[in-house]
């Protein structure tokens, strides 16, 4: 099963490197459970923050039985995180992503983190299109530089 978003542009067919016990995901630099500002909150929701992969869940390739195993915990945990003021404030707009990756860690599901899976340059981050990605995440925010008349 491929979990993708509507703003993913497929540059070439992604290689399926997922196994029945190990999904494949793209690693997000802002999903680092070991980051000092995140680790205390992450530790509240999982026994071992070192087992938390920096995944989305999108894009992810995962076998359907494993997705079925993860989904109830992912949904439940996402609601719990939203109801927790500290988690809600700390995780912000990526709270549901944390719900997925923390649910996976709780269930001891580890991911193959594959950086060539996608690239997501942004007008806000001013990054370049590097490497040979399979997916272009068209995640351009609205940005205006100049005077308003």
Protein backbone atom coordinates (compact mmCIF):
# COMPACT_ATOMS: atom_id res chain seq x y z
CA UNK A 1 0.00 0.00 0.00
CA UNK A 2 1.35 3.43 -0.93
CA UNK A 3 0.33 6.27 1.35
CA UNK A 4 0.68 9.51 -0.59
CA UNK A 5 -0.72 13.04 -0.64
CA UNK A 6 -2.54 14.98 -3.29
CA UNK A 7 0.46 17.29 -3.72
CA UNK A 8 2.87 14.48 -4.58
CA UNK A 9 4.14 14.57 -8.13
CA UNK A 10 5.58 11.21 -9.18
CA UNK A 11 8.80 11.71 -11.12
CA UNK A 12 9.35 7.98 -11.53
CA UNK A 13 7.91 4.80 -10.07
CA UNK A 14 8.99 4.42 -6.44
CA UNK A 15 10.90 1.26 -5.68
CA UNK A 16 9.05 -0.95 -3.23
CA UNK A 17 11.59 -1.67 -0.53
CA UNK A 18 8.97 -2.46 2.11
CA UNK A 19 8.74 -5.94 3.60
CA UNK A 20 5.80 -7.53 5.42
CA UNK A 21 7.36 -6.43 8.74
CA UNK A 22 9.19 -3.22 7.75
CA UNK A 23 7.53 -0.34 5.89
CA UNK A 24 9.51 2.15 3.85
CA UNK A 25 9.17 5.88 4.47
CA UNK A 26 10.71 9.25 3.72
CA UNK A 27 12.65 10.78 6.61
CA UNK A 28 11.58 14.26 7.67
CA UNK A 29 14.22 16.47 9.28
CA UNK A 30 11.65 17.98 11.64
CA UNK A 31 10.47 14.57 12.93
CA UNK A 32 13.53 13.85 15.07
CA UNK A 33 12.48 12.30 18.38
CA UNK A 34 15.95 12.94 19.80
CA UNK A 35 15.74 16.72 19.30
CA UNK A 36 16.03 18.38 22.73
CA UNK A 37 12.76 20.29 22.36
CA UNK A 38 10.84 17.15 21.27
CA UNK A 39 12.37 14.31 23.28
CA UNK A 40 10.57 15.04 26.60
CA UNK A 41 7.17 15.04 24.88
CA UNK A 42 8.01 11.99 22.76
CA UNK A 43 9.18 10.14 25.89
CA UNK A 44 5.76 10.73 27.46
CA UNK A 45 4.10 8.79 24.65
CA UNK A 46 6.51 5.92 24.00
CA UNK A 47 8.80 3.77 26.12
CA UNK A 48 11.88 4.31 23.96
CA UNK A 49 12.26 7.53 21.92
CA UNK A 50 15.23 5.93 20.16
CA UNK A 51 12.79 3.59 18.39
CA UNK A 52 10.83 6.47 16.83
CA UNK A 53 11.49 6.77 13.10
CA UNK A 54 11.29 10.25 11.46
CA UNK A 55 8.36 9.24 9.26
CA UNK A 56 5.26 10.93 8.00
CA UNK A 57 3.16 8.63 7.29
CA UNK A 58 3.34 10.05 3.81
CA UNK A 59 4.97 8.93 1.70
CA UNK A 60 5.13 5.41 3.04
CA UNK A 61 4.92 2.02 1.42
CA UNK A 62 3.51 -0.54 3.83
CA UNK A 63 2.03 -4.00 3.52
CA UNK A 64 -1.72 -3.96 4.15
CA UNK A 65 -1.76 -6.32 7.18
CA UNK A 66 0.80 -4.11 8.91
CA UNK A 67 -1.18 -0.96 8.08
CA UNK A 68 -4.28 -2.62 9.56
CA UNK A 69 -2.28 -3.35 12.71
CA UNK A 70 -1.04 0.27 13.00
CA UNK A 71 -4.23 2.15 12.12
CA UNK A 72 -6.20 1.74 15.39
CA UNK A 73 -3.22 2.82 17.53
CA UNK A 74 -2.45 5.68 15.12
CA UNK A 75 -6.01 7.02 15.28
CA UNK A 76 -6.31 6.66 19.04
CA UNK A 77 -2.93 8.20 19.73
CA UNK A 78 -3.56 11.13 17.37
CA UNK A 79 -6.69 12.04 19.37
CA UNK A 80 -4.82 11.63 22.66
CA UNK A 81 -2.02 13.89 21.45
CA UNK A 82 -4.51 16.54 20.32
CA UNK A 83 -6.17 16.50 23.76
CA UNK A 84 -2.82 16.91 25.54
CA UNK A 85 -2.01 20.66 25.64
CA UNK A 86 1.78 20.15 25.70
CA UNK A 87 1.79 17.62 22.85
CA UNK A 88 -0.61 19.76 20.82
CA UNK A 89 1.55 22.85 21.29
CA UNK A 90 4.86 21.02 20.72
CA UNK A 91 3.83 18.98 17.67
CA UNK A 92 1.56 21.60 16.11
CA UNK A 93 0.69 21.07 12.44
CA UNK A 94 2.60 17.75 12.33
CA UNK A 95 0.69 16.22 15.28
CA UNK A 96 -1.00 13.57 13.15
CA UNK A 97 2.40 12.63 11.71
CA UNK A 98 3.63 12.12 15.27
CA UNK A 99 0.53 10.01 15.93
CA UNK A 100 1.60 7.66 13.16
CA UNK A 101 5.27 7.41 14.03
CA UNK A 102 4.67 7.08 17.77
CA UNK A 103 2.06 4.38 17.15
CA UNK A 104 4.60 2.52 15.02
CA UNK A 105 7.22 2.83 17.78
CA UNK A 106 4.77 1.58 20.40
CA UNK A 107 4.06 -1.46 18.25
CA UNK A 108 7.80 -1.96 17.60
CA UNK A 109 7.39 -1.34 13.87
CA UNK A 110 10.59 0.08 12.42
CA UNK A 111 10.82 1.69 8.99
CA UNK A 112 13.37 1.68 6.25
CA UNK A 113 13.99 5.43 6.01
CA UNK A 114 14.81 6.23 2.39
CA UNK A 115 15.74 9.83 1.62
CA UNK A 116 15.63 9.30 -2.16
CA UNK A 117 11.93 8.49 -1.86
CA UNK A 118 10.95 12.15 -2.18
CA UNK A 119 12.21 15.69 -2.24
CA UNK A 120 10.30 18.63 -0.87
CA UNK A 121 11.87 21.96 -1.76
CA UNK A 122 9.79 24.87 -0.59
CA UNK A 123 9.49 28.54 -1.23
CA UNK A 124 9.77 29.00 2.53
CA UNK A 125 12.92 26.90 2.93
CA UNK A 126 14.55 28.03 -0.34
CA UNK A 127 16.05 24.60 -0.87
CA UNK A 128 17.24 23.13 -4.12
CA UNK A 129 16.07 20.03 -5.94
CA UNK A 130 18.87 17.61 -5.14
CA UNK A 131 19.43 13.94 -5.82
CA UNK A 132 17.33 11.61 -7.92
CA UNK A 133 13.98 11.53 -6.07
CA UNK A 134 10.97 9.43 -6.99
CA UNK A 135 8.41 11.88 -5.63
CA UNK A 136 8.36 15.68 -5.74
CA UNK A 137 6.35 16.97 -2.78
CA UNK A 138 4.82 20.14 -4.13
CA UNK A 139 4.64 21.75 -0.70
CA UNK A 140 5.02 25.38 -1.64
CA UNK A 141 3.57 27.77 0.87
CA UNK A 142 2.22 31.16 -0.02
CA UNK A 143 5.03 33.65 0.12
CA UNK A 144 5.01 37.27 -0.88
CA UNK A 145 8.04 39.52 -0.78
CA UNK A 146 7.51 43.15 -1.60
CA UNK A 147 5.34 46.10 -0.80
CA UNK A 148 1.61 45.94 -0.51
CA UNK A 149 -0.16 48.92 -2.10
